[in-house]
C-alpha atoms as a PDB file:
ATOM      1  CA  UNK A   1    -176.670  92.994-130.561  1.00  0.00           C
ATOM      2  CA  UNK A   2    -175.426  95.857-132.672  1.00  0.00           C
ATOM      3  CA  UNK A   3    -174.567  93.458-135.497  1.00  0.00           C
ATOM      4  CA  UNK A   4    -178.128  92.160-135.740  1.00  0.00           C
ATOM      5  CA  UNK A   5    -179.509  95.676-135.430  1.00  0.00           C
ATOM      6  CA  UNK A   6    -177.224  96.813-138.219  1.00  0.00           C
ATOM      7  CA  UNK A   7    -178.788  94.420-140.718  1.00  0.00           C
ATOM      8  CA  UNK A   8    -180.881  96.723-142.814  1.00  0.00           C
ATOM      9  CA  UNK A   9    -179.712  99.828-140.940  1.00  0.00           C
ATOM     10  CA  UNK A  10    -176.261 100.881-142.142  1.00  0.00           C
ATOM     11  CA  UNK A  11    -176.739 104.154-140.258  1.00  0.00           C
ATOM     12  CA  UNK A  12    -176.929 102.462-136.838  1.00  0.00           C
ATOM     13  CA  UNK A  13    -173.222 102.554-135.963  1.00  0.00           C
ATOM     14  CA  UNK A  14    -173.040 106.234-136.909  1.00  0.00           C
ATOM     15  CA  UNK A  15    -176.042 106.932-134.665  1.00  0.00           C
ATOM     16  CA  UNK A  16    -174.548 105.049-131.713  1.00  0.00           C
ATOM     17  CA  UNK A  17    -171.121 106.643-132.139  1.00  0.00           C
ATOM     18  CA  UNK A  18    -172.581 110.142-132.312  1.00  0.00           C
ATOM     19  CA  UNK A  19    -174.719 109.557-129.224  1.00  0.00           C
ATOM     20  CA  UNK A  20    -171.829 108.344-127.083  1.00  0.00           C
ATOM     21  CA  UNK A  21    -169.310 110.931-128.335  1.00  0.00           C
ATOM     22  CA  UNK A  22    -171.449 114.054-128.191  1.00  0.00           C
ATOM     23  CA  UNK A  23    -174.936 113.149-127.013  1.00  0.00           C
ATOM     24  CA  UNK A  24    -176.163 114.303-130.424  1.00  0.00           C
ATOM     25  CA  UNK A  25    -178.923 112.272-132.008  1.00  0.00           C
ATOM     26  CA  UNK A  26    -178.417 111.506-135.687  1.00  0.00           C
ATOM     27  CA  UNK A  27    -181.838 111.401-137.347  1.00  0.00           C
ATOM     28  CA  UNK A  28    -183.187 108.125-138.656  1.00  0.00           C
ATOM     29  CA  UNK A  29    -182.812 107.655-142.417  1.00  0.00           C
ATOM     30  CA  UNK A  30    -185.654 108.180-144.849  1.00  0.00           C
ATOM     31  CA  UNK A  31    -187.276 105.365-146.772  1.00  0.00           C
ATOM     32  CA  UNK A  32    -185.519 106.702-149.878  1.00  0.00           C
ATOM     33  CA  UNK A  33    -182.099 106.329-148.201  1.00  0.00           C
ATOM     34  CA  UNK A  34    -182.897 102.848-146.937  1.00  0.00           C
ATOM     35  CA  UNK A  35    -184.031 101.723-150.384  1.00  0.00           C
ATOM     36  CA  UNK A  36    -180.849 103.104-151.957  1.00  0.00           C
ATOM     37  CA  UNK A  37    -178.773 101.091-149.462  1.00  0.00           C
ATOM     38  CA  UNK A  38    -180.918  98.007-150.072  1.00  0.00           C
ATOM     39  CA  UNK A  39    -180.444  98.302-153.830  1.00  0.00           C
ATOM     40  CA  UNK A  40    -176.691  98.720-153.392  1.00  0.00           C
ATOM     41  CA  UNK A  41    -176.510  95.564-151.256  1.00  0.00           C
ATOM     42  CA  UNK A  42    -178.810  93.736-153.679  1.00  0.00           C
ATOM     43  CA  UNK A  43    -176.507  94.487-156.606  1.00  0.00           C
ATOM     44  CA  UNK A  44    -173.532  93.088-154.669  1.00  0.00           C
ATOM     45  CA  UNK A  45    -175.355  89.939-153.507  1.00  0.00           C
ATOM     46  CA  UNK A  46    -176.715  89.202-156.981  1.00  0.00           C
ATOM     47  CA  UNK A  47    -173.290  89.753-158.520  1.00  0.00           C
ATOM     48  CA  UNK A  48    -171.717  87.339-156.039  1.00  0.00           C
ATOM     49  CA  UNK A  49    -174.422  84.642-155.862  1.00  0.00           C
ATOM     50  CA  UNK A  50    -176.158  84.970-159.217  1.00  0.00           C
ATOM     51  CA  UNK A  51    -179.690  86.224-159.709  1.00  0.00           C
ATOM     52  CA  UNK A  52    -181.659  83.134-158.659  1.00  0.00           C
ATOM     53  CA  UNK A  53    -179.843  82.444-155.389  1.00  0.00           C
ATOM     54  CA  UNK A  54    -179.151  86.128-154.721  1.00  0.00           C
ATOM     55  CA  UNK A  55    -182.811  87.142-154.909  1.00  0.00           C
ATOM     56  CA  UNK A  56    -183.810  84.234-152.645  1.00  0.00           C
ATOM     57  CA  UNK A  57    -181.253  85.374-150.050  1.00  0.00           C
ATOM     58  CA  UNK A  58    -182.448  88.959-150.377  1.00  0.00           C
ATOM     59  CA  UNK A  59    -186.015  87.940-149.517  1.00  0.00           C
ATOM     60  CA  UNK A  60    -184.904  87.632-145.895  1.00  0.00           C
ATOM     61  CA  UNK A  61    -182.630  90.695-145.903  1.00  0.00           C
ATOM     62  CA  UNK A  62    -184.530  93.323-147.910  1.00  0.00           C
ATOM     63  CA  UNK A  63    -187.514  93.616-145.526  1.00  0.00           C
ATOM     64  CA  UNK A  64    -185.115  94.476-142.690  1.00  0.00           C
ATOM     65  CA  UNK A  65    -184.218  97.705-144.479  1.00  0.00           C
ATOM     66  CA  UNK A  66    -187.829  98.758-143.992  1.00  0.00           C
ATOM     67  CA  UNK A  67    -188.518  97.163-140.615  1.00  0.00           C
ATOM     68  CA  UNK A  68    -189.464 100.509-139.098  1.00  0.00           C
ATOM     69  CA  UNK A  69    -192.077 101.033-141.808  1.00  0.00           C
ATOM     70  CA  UNK A  70    -195.037  99.405-140.114  1.00  0.00           C
ATOM     71  CA  UNK A  71    -197.320 101.466-142.344  1.00  0.00           C
ATOM     72  CA  UNK A  72    -195.946  99.895-145.528  1.00  0.00           C
ATOM     73  CA  UNK A  73    -197.946  96.891-146.688  1.00  0.00           C
ATOM     74  CA  UNK A  74    -195.615  96.457-149.652  1.00  0.00           C
ATOM     75  CA  UNK A  75    -192.615  95.632-147.469  1.00  0.00           C
ATOM     76  CA  UNK A  76    -194.175  92.318-146.457  1.00  0.00           C
ATOM     77  CA  UNK A  77    -194.293  91.378-150.127  1.00  0.00           C
ATOM     78  CA  UNK A  78    -190.488  91.671-150.294  1.00  0.00           C
ATOM     79  CA  UNK A  79    -190.177  88.473-148.265  1.00  0.00           C
ATOM     80  CA  UNK A  80    -192.190  86.283-150.615  1.00  0.00           C
ATOM     81  CA  UNK A  81    -192.791  87.688-154.090  1.00  0.00           C
ATOM     82  CA  UNK A  82    -189.547  88.604-155.862  1.00  0.00           C
ATOM     83  CA  UNK A  83    -188.273  85.946-158.255  1.00  0.00           C
ATOM     84  CA  UNK A  84    -185.917  88.196-160.226  1.00  0.00           C
ATOM     85  CA  UNK A  85    -183.867  91.332-159.681  1.00  0.00           C
ATOM     86  CA  UNK A  86    -186.449  93.231-161.742  1.00  0.00           C
ATOM     87  CA  UNK A  87    -189.250  92.029-159.418  1.00  0.00           C
ATOM     88  CA  UNK A  88    -187.261  93.056-156.340  1.00  0.00           C
ATOM     89  CA  UNK A  89    -186.398  96.494-157.698  1.00  0.00           C
ATOM     90  CA  UNK A  90    -190.000  97.064-158.878  1.00  0.00           C
ATOM     91  CA  UNK A  91    -191.262  96.422-155.331  1.00  0.00           C
ATOM     92  CA  UNK A  92    -188.588  98.690-153.858  1.00  0.00           C
ATOM     93  CA  UNK A  93    -189.491 101.416-156.357  1.00  0.00           C
ATOM     94  CA  UNK A  94    -193.199 101.102-155.451  1.00  0.00           C
ATOM     95  CA  UNK A  95    -192.388 101.441-151.747  1.00  0.00           C
ATOM     96  CA  UNK A  96    -190.178 104.444-152.448  1.00  0.00           C
ATOM     97  CA  UNK A  97    -192.934 106.097-154.473  1.00  0.00           C
ATOM     98  CA  UNK A  98    -195.436 105.399-151.680  1.00  0.00           C
ATOM     99  CA  UNK A  99    -193.288 106.582-148.782  1.00  0.00           C
ATOM    100  CA  UNK A 100    -189.972 108.015-150.009  1.00  0.00           C
ATOM    101  CA  UNK A 101    -189.454 110.928-147.616  1.00  0.00           C
ATOM    102  CA  UNK A 102    -190.937 109.330-144.517  1.00  0.00           C
ATOM    103  CA  UNK A 103    -188.506 108.484-141.774  1.00  0.00           C
ATOM    104  CA  UNK A 104    -187.805 104.850-140.978  1.00  0.00           C
ATOM    105  CA  UNK A 105    -188.194 103.813-137.355  1.00  0.00           C
ATOM    106  CA  UNK A 106    -189.805 105.493-134.402  1.00  0.00           C
ATOM    107  CA  UNK A 107    -190.311 109.231-134.391  1.00  0.00           C
ATOM    108  CA  UNK A 108    -187.558 111.154-132.631  1.00  0.00           C
ATOM    109  CA  UNK A 109    -188.221 111.533-128.935  1.00  0.00           C
ATOM    110  CA  UNK A 110    -186.292 112.250-125.783  1.00  0.00           C
ATOM    111  CA  UNK A 111    -184.899 109.105-124.245  1.00  0.00           C
ATOM    112  CA  UNK A 112    -183.150 109.104-120.893  1.00  0.00           C
ATOM    113  CA  UNK A 113    -180.003 107.019-120.725  1.00  0.00           C
ATOM    114  CA  UNK A 114    -178.147 105.787-117.678  1.00  0.00           C
ATOM    115  CA  UNK A 115    -175.161 108.050-118.357  1.00  0.00           C
ATOM    116  CA  UNK A 116    -177.407 111.161-118.434  1.00  0.00           C
ATOM    117  CA  UNK A 117    -177.542 111.120-114.624  1.00  0.00           C
ATOM    118  CA  UNK A 118    -173.760 111.521-114.216  1.00  0.00           C
END
């Protein structure tokens, strides 16, 4: 399930690798970082598919970049409202302005893993 978890979280593999190699927890990315990654992917998808089809495909992908942002009402709008790249980027910019330095996902906490008992 790592592949599905990695959609919208490019940092996930780095976090898993660090945990298993050293037990060190890599912090979750900020909203600002997630939006930068989303914009980078959006540029590539739109370049490959064209703006009309690309933006429609991104409606299902873009919200996943902010799936840990339960406090962001604007993220739900990403799935339905954008018709153009400008619309998409305007929504992403509004979310970044609203929440830029907040961390995506659950707050850091101690989690016991099966290999901790060894």
